[in-house]
Amino acid sequence: MRDAKGHTRFTVTMTGALLIFMGATILANSGDVTAFVVRLVGFAAAVFGVMIFAGHFMRAHAIDAIPFEDLSIAGLLVLIGTAIAVFPNMFAKVLFSVMGILIVFSGLGDVARSRTKIADEENEEKLTLRVGIVTVAVGVFVTLVPSAAIHVVPVICGVALVLDGLSELFLAMKMD
């Protein structure tokens, strides 16, 4: 029978090893990872479209009873999702450009929030403003240069996973 400390150390060690493995795998296959994620988004959109259609059809029992808007949305999701899943490299730049725009809006929200802080929160205001500016800059970069972001984002994620895994292993070694 294992004690609680032994189980915790084992769990932390295995988590660290798994994180390092995942990070190394992403670093070794960064292009494939991007294509996989884009393909997954396309597949999910197509399945969601099929689910919308199936849900309405099960309730309506006839295709002419399904609202045209819902039928159109379901059809578009299936067509666009399938196209994205089949041609992920073509759509990766578009997906990253849209993500970049969302990142810009998130950064602008941080900048706006930093301007509404009260005087007691001046340090937090400066930090929020700086984070917002950096976020906007990253968003602009991803939007304007999606091909570079396609290659940089998986590398950043891979490095982050390896570092997180190493910190888990370090924590496991320090456990009694």
C-alpha atoms as a PDB file:
ATOM      1  CA  MET A   1       0.000   0.000   0.000  1.00  0.00           C
ATOM      2  CA  ARG A   2       1.383   3.389  -0.941  1.00  0.00           C
ATOM      3  CA  ASP A   3       1.378   6.307   1.363  1.00  0.00           C
ATOM      4  CA  ALA A   4      -0.058   9.668   0.290  1.00  0.00           C
ATOM      5  CA  LYS A   5       3.374  11.288  -0.140  1.00  0.00           C
ATOM      6  CA  GLY A   6       4.643   8.501  -2.408  1.00  0.00           C
ATOM      7  CA  HIS A   7       1.568   8.684  -4.593  1.00  0.00           C
ATOM      8  CA  THR A   8       1.820  12.460  -4.841  1.00  0.00           C
ATOM      9  CA  ARG A   9       5.500  12.315  -5.773  1.00  0.00           C
ATOM     10  CA  PHE A  10       4.773   9.663  -8.409  1.00  0.00           C
ATOM     11  CA  THR A  11       1.885  11.689  -9.815  1.00  0.00           C
ATOM     12  CA  VAL A  12       3.939  14.885  -9.987  1.00  0.00           C
ATOM     13  CA  THR A  13       6.838  13.014 -11.616  1.00  0.00           C
ATOM     14  CA  MET A  14       4.580  11.411 -14.232  1.00  0.00           C
ATOM     15  CA  THR A  15       2.867  14.740 -14.918  1.00  0.00           C
ATOM     16  CA  GLY A  16       6.250  16.379 -15.448  1.00  0.00           C
ATOM     17  CA  ALA A  17       7.398  13.590 -17.755  1.00  0.00           C
ATOM     18  CA  LEU A  18       4.165  13.774 -19.755  1.00  0.00           C
ATOM     19  CA  LEU A  19       4.437  17.561 -20.112  1.00  0.00           C
ATOM     20  CA  ILE A  20       8.035  17.256 -21.312  1.00  0.00           C
ATOM     21  CA  PHE A  21       7.025  14.540 -23.786  1.00  0.00           C
ATOM     22  CA  MET A  22       4.131  16.638 -25.132  1.00  0.00           C
ATOM     23  CA  GLY A  23       6.316  19.737 -25.418  1.00  0.00           C
ATOM     24  CA  ALA A  24       9.094  17.839 -27.193  1.00  0.00           C
ATOM     25  CA  THR A  25       6.556  16.276 -29.566  1.00  0.00           C
ATOM     26  CA  ILE A  26       5.134  19.696 -30.434  1.00  0.00           C
ATOM     27  CA  LEU A  27       8.641  21.112 -30.939  1.00  0.00           C
ATOM     28  CA  ALA A  28       9.567  18.224 -33.220  1.00  0.00           C
ATOM     29  CA  ASN A  29       6.343  18.469 -35.252  1.00  0.00           C
ATOM     30  CA  SER A  30       5.265  22.117 -35.008  1.00  0.00           C
ATOM     31  CA  GLY A  31       3.905  22.280 -38.571  1.00  0.00           C
ATOM     32  CA  ASP A  32       1.929  19.096 -38.097  1.00  0.00           C
ATOM     33  CA  VAL A  33       0.524  20.372 -34.801  1.00  0.00           C
ATOM     34  CA  THR A  34      -0.806  23.523 -36.468  1.00  0.00           C
ATOM     35  CA  ALA A  35      -2.393  21.501 -39.276  1.00  0.00           C
ATOM     36  CA  PHE A  36      -3.890  19.125 -36.708  1.00  0.00           C
ATOM     37  CA  VAL A  37      -5.451  21.952 -34.673  1.00  0.00           C
ATOM     38  CA  VAL A  38      -6.854  23.647 -37.788  1.00  0.00           C
ATOM     39  CA  ARG A  39      -8.151  20.292 -39.041  1.00  0.00           C
ATOM     40  CA  LEU A  40      -9.740  19.703 -35.618  1.00  0.00           C
ATOM     41  CA  VAL A  41     -11.500  23.098 -35.759  1.00  0.00           C
ATOM     42  CA  GLY A  42     -12.839  22.268 -39.233  1.00  0.00           C
ATOM     43  CA  PHE A  43     -13.995  18.829 -38.176  1.00  0.00           C
ATOM     44  CA  ALA A  44     -15.716  20.274 -35.083  1.00  0.00           C
ATOM     45  CA  ALA A  45     -17.526  22.874 -37.225  1.00  0.00           C
ATOM     46  CA  ALA A  46     -18.708  20.195 -39.655  1.00  0.00           C
ATOM     47  CA  VAL A  47     -19.930  17.929 -36.845  1.00  0.00           C
ATOM     48  CA  PHE A  48     -21.700  20.874 -35.207  1.00  0.00           C
ATOM     49  CA  GLY A  49     -23.487  21.584 -38.508  1.00  0.00           C
ATOM     50  CA  VAL A  50     -24.573  17.948 -38.771  1.00  0.00           C
ATOM     51  CA  MET A  51     -25.793  18.058 -35.153  1.00  0.00           C
ATOM     52  CA  ILE A  52     -27.889  21.177 -35.839  1.00  0.00           C
ATOM     53  CA  PHE A  53     -29.453  19.496 -38.862  1.00  0.00           C
ATOM     54  CA  ALA A  54     -30.031  16.194 -37.038  1.00  0.00           C
ATOM     55  CA  GLY A  55     -31.517  17.907 -34.002  1.00  0.00           C
ATOM     56  CA  HIS A  56     -34.041  19.818 -36.092  1.00  0.00           C
ATOM     57  CA  PHE A  57     -34.825  16.812 -38.281  1.00  0.00           C
ATOM     58  CA  MET A  58     -35.506  14.611 -35.248  1.00  0.00           C
ATOM     59  CA  ARG A  59     -37.976  17.172 -33.924  1.00  0.00           C
ATOM     60  CA  ALA A  60     -39.528  18.181 -37.242  1.00  0.00           C
ATOM     61  CA  HIS A  61     -39.707  14.705 -38.878  1.00  0.00           C
ATOM     62  CA  ALA A  62     -39.545  16.438 -42.281  1.00  0.00           C
ATOM     63  CA  ILE A  63     -36.922  18.614 -43.933  1.00  0.00           C
ATOM     64  CA  ASP A  64     -39.474  21.247 -45.012  1.00  0.00           C
ATOM     65  CA  ALA A  65     -40.368  21.888 -41.355  1.00  0.00           C
ATOM     66  CA  ILE A  66     -36.788  22.966 -40.499  1.00  0.00           C
ATOM     67  CA  PRO A  67     -36.362  26.765 -40.462  1.00  0.00           C
ATOM     68  CA  PHE A  68     -34.450  27.929 -43.548  1.00  0.00           C
ATOM     69  CA  GLU A  69     -31.973  29.935 -41.444  1.00  0.00           C
ATOM     70  CA  ASP A  70     -31.042  26.906 -39.360  1.00  0.00           C
ATOM     71  CA  LEU A  71     -30.777  24.706 -42.443  1.00  0.00           C
ATOM     72  CA  SER A  72     -28.529  27.312 -44.102  1.00  0.00           C
ATOM     73  CA  ILE A  73     -26.293  27.669 -41.037  1.00  0.00           C
ATOM     74  CA  ALA A  74     -26.004  23.884 -40.678  1.00  0.00           C
ATOM     75  CA  GLY A  75     -25.147  23.522 -44.361  1.00  0.00           C
ATOM     76  CA  LEU A  76     -22.538  26.290 -44.222  1.00  0.00           C
ATOM     77  CA  LEU A  77     -20.949  24.790 -41.134  1.00  0.00           C
ATOM     78  CA  VAL A  78     -20.724  21.394 -42.800  1.00  0.00           C
ATOM     79  CA  LEU A  79     -19.302  22.816 -46.057  1.00  0.00           C
ATOM     80  CA  ILE A  80     -16.841  25.248 -44.480  1.00  0.00           C
ATOM     81  CA  GLY A  81     -15.850  22.812 -41.724  1.00  0.00           C
ATOM     82  CA  THR A  82     -15.216  20.063 -44.265  1.00  0.00           C
ATOM     83  CA  ALA A  83     -13.155  22.409 -46.446  1.00  0.00           C
ATOM     84  CA  ILE A  84     -11.072  23.464 -43.436  1.00  0.00           C
ATOM     85  CA  ALA A  85     -10.580  19.831 -42.364  1.00  0.00           C
ATOM     86  CA  VAL A  86      -9.533  18.761 -45.866  1.00  0.00           C
ATOM     87  CA  PHE A  87      -7.281  21.768 -46.604  1.00  0.00           C
ATOM     88  CA  PRO A  88      -5.943  22.833 -43.182  1.00  0.00           C
ATOM     89  CA  ASN A  89      -2.821  24.588 -44.474  1.00  0.00           C
ATOM     90  CA  MET A  90      -4.878  26.863 -46.707  1.00  0.00           C
ATOM     91  CA  PHE A  91      -7.132  27.918 -43.834  1.00  0.00           C
ATOM     92  CA  ALA A  92      -4.447  28.151 -41.132  1.00  0.00           C
ATOM     93  CA  LYS A  93      -3.519  31.701 -42.137  1.00  0.00           C
ATOM     94  CA  VAL A  94      -7.163  32.777 -42.084  1.00  0.00           C
ATOM     95  CA  LEU A  95      -7.685  31.164 -38.676  1.00  0.00           C
ATOM     96  CA  PHE A  96      -4.585  32.857 -37.253  1.00  0.00           C
ATOM     97  CA  SER A  97      -5.640  36.219 -38.723  1.00  0.00           C
ATOM     98  CA  VAL A  98      -9.034  35.933 -37.021  1.00  0.00           C
ATOM     99  CA  MET A  99      -7.287  34.921 -33.771  1.00  0.00           C
ATOM    100  CA  GLY A 100      -5.004  37.952 -34.130  1.00  0.00           C
ATOM    101  CA  ILE A 101      -7.998  40.266 -34.430  1.00  0.00           C
ATOM    102  CA  LEU A 102      -9.536  38.717 -31.306  1.00  0.00           C
ATOM    103  CA  ILE A 103      -6.224  39.172 -29.470  1.00  0.00           C
ATOM    104  CA  VAL A 104      -6.152  42.859 -30.492  1.00  0.00           C
ATOM    105  CA  PHE A 105      -9.661  43.373 -29.103  1.00  0.00           C
ATOM    106  CA  SER A 106      -8.669  41.630 -25.873  1.00  0.00           C
ATOM    107  CA  GLY A 107      -5.638  43.937 -25.537  1.00  0.00           C
ATOM    108  CA  LEU A 108      -7.757  47.005 -26.235  1.00  0.00           C
ATOM    109  CA  GLY A 109     -10.105  45.861 -23.478  1.00  0.00           C
ATOM    110  CA  ASP A 110      -7.139  45.668 -21.086  1.00  0.00           C
ATOM    111  CA  VAL A 111      -6.025  49.174 -22.076  1.00  0.00           C
ATOM    112  CA  ALA A 112      -9.561  50.505 -21.554  1.00  0.00           C
ATOM    113  CA  ARG A 113      -9.834  48.783 -18.165  1.00  0.00           C
ATOM    114  CA  SER A 114      -6.511  50.277 -17.087  1.00  0.00           C
ATOM    115  CA  ARG A 115      -7.950  53.738 -17.629  1.00  0.00           C
ATOM    116  CA  THR A 116     -10.901  53.101 -15.294  1.00  0.00           C
ATOM    117  CA  LYS A 117      -8.869  52.197 -12.197  1.00  0.00           C
ATOM    118  CA  ILE A 118      -9.092  54.311  -9.068  1.00  0.00           C
ATOM    119  CA  ALA A 119      -6.064  56.193  -7.694  1.00  0.00           C
ATOM    120  CA  ASP A 120      -5.277  53.498  -5.083  1.00  0.00           C
ATOM    121  CA  GLU A 121      -4.692  50.973  -7.839  1.00  0.00           C
ATOM    122  CA  GLU A 122      -2.030  52.959  -9.743  1.00  0.00           C
ATOM    123  CA  ASN A 123       0.522  50.107  -9.901  1.00  0.00           C
ATOM    124  CA  GLU A 124      -2.113  47.680 -11.112  1.00  0.00           C
ATOM    125  CA  GLU A 125      -3.232  50.292 -13.649  1.00  0.00           C
ATOM    126  CA  LYS A 126       0.295  50.555 -15.078  1.00  0.00           C
ATOM    127  CA  LEU A 127       0.672  46.782 -15.237  1.00  0.00           C
ATOM    128  CA  THR A 128      -2.713  46.359 -16.921  1.00  0.00           C
ATOM    129  CA  LEU A 129      -1.836  49.093 -19.403  1.00  0.00           C
ATOM    130  CA  ARG A 130       1.503  47.438 -20.236  1.00  0.00           C
ATOM    131  CA  VAL A 131      -0.061  44.011 -20.618  1.00  0.00           C
ATOM    132  CA  GLY A 132      -2.763  45.530 -22.825  1.00  0.00           C
ATOM    133  CA  ILE A 133      -0.207  47.238 -25.061  1.00  0.00           C
ATOM    134  CA  VAL A 134       1.835  44.030 -25.413  1.00  0.00           C
ATOM    135  CA  THR A 135      -1.343  42.067 -26.148  1.00  0.00           C
ATOM    136  CA  VAL A 136      -2.353  44.548 -28.863  1.00  0.00           C
ATOM    137  CA  ALA A 137       1.154  44.334 -30.379  1.00  0.00           C
ATOM    138  CA  VAL A 138       1.046  40.529 -30.416  1.00  0.00           C
ATOM    139  CA  GLY A 139      -2.448  40.609 -31.918  1.00  0.00           C
ATOM    140  CA  VAL A 140      -1.343  43.001 -34.668  1.00  0.00           C
ATOM    141  CA  PHE A 141       1.656  40.744 -35.410  1.00  0.00           C
ATOM    142  CA  VAL A 142      -0.502  37.614 -35.601  1.00  0.00           C
ATOM    143  CA  THR A 143      -3.063  39.411 -37.788  1.00  0.00           C
ATOM    144  CA  LEU A 144      -0.569  40.928 -40.220  1.00  0.00           C
ATOM    145  CA  VAL A 145       1.912  38.033 -40.372  1.00  0.00           C
ATOM    146  CA  PRO A 146      -0.153  34.879 -39.837  1.00  0.00           C
ATOM    147  CA  SER A 147       2.369  32.672 -41.636  1.00  0.00           C
ATOM    148  CA  ALA A 148       5.021  33.574 -39.038  1.00  0.00           C
ATOM    149  CA  ALA A 149       2.541  33.046 -36.202  1.00  0.00           C
ATOM    150  CA  ILE A 150       1.723  29.585 -37.571  1.00  0.00           C
ATOM    151  CA  HIS A 151       5.332  28.576 -36.932  1.00  0.00           C
ATOM    152  CA  VAL A 152       5.976  30.600 -33.762  1.00  0.00           C
ATOM    153  CA  VAL A 153       2.899  29.668 -31.685  1.00  0.00           C
ATOM    154  CA  PRO A 154       3.562  25.895 -31.600  1.00  0.00           C
ATOM    155  CA  VAL A 155       7.204  26.528 -30.666  1.00  0.00           C
ATOM    156  CA  ILE A 156       6.137  28.797 -27.793  1.00  0.00           C
ATOM    157  CA  CYS A 157       3.636  26.181 -26.620  1.00  0.00           C
ATOM    158  CA  GLY A 158       6.229  23.403 -26.885  1.00  0.00           C
ATOM    159  CA  VAL A 159       8.837  25.358 -24.922  1.00  0.00           C
ATOM    160  CA  ALA A 160       6.232  26.290 -22.293  1.00  0.00           C
ATOM    161  CA  LEU A 161       5.225  22.639 -21.869  1.00  0.00           C
ATOM    162  CA  VAL A 162       8.853  21.486 -21.539  1.00  0.00           C
ATOM    163  CA  LEU A 163       9.590  24.192 -18.954  1.00  0.00           C
ATOM    164  CA  ASP A 164       6.417  23.343 -17.034  1.00  0.00           C
ATOM    165  CA  GLY A 165       7.374  19.665 -17.102  1.00  0.00           C
ATOM    166  CA  LEU A 166      10.874  20.434 -15.822  1.00  0.00           C
ATOM    167  CA  SER A 167       9.404  22.496 -12.986  1.00  0.00           C
ATOM    168  CA  GLU A 168       7.136  19.569 -12.081  1.00  0.00           C
ATOM    169  CA  LEU A 169      10.115  17.213 -12.012  1.00  0.00           C
ATOM    170  CA  PHE A 170      12.051  19.681  -9.865  1.00  0.00           C
ATOM    171  CA  LEU A 171       9.081  19.866  -7.492  1.00  0.00           C
ATOM    172  CA  ALA A 172       8.935  16.066  -7.351  1.00  0.00           C
ATOM    173  CA  MET A 173      12.627  15.867  -6.432  1.00  0.00           C
ATOM    174  CA  LYS A 174      12.108  18.320  -3.569  1.00  0.00           C
ATOM    175  CA  MET A 175       9.262  16.238  -2.095  1.00  0.00           C
ATOM    176  CA  ASP A 176      10.038  14.070   0.927  1.00  0.00           C
END
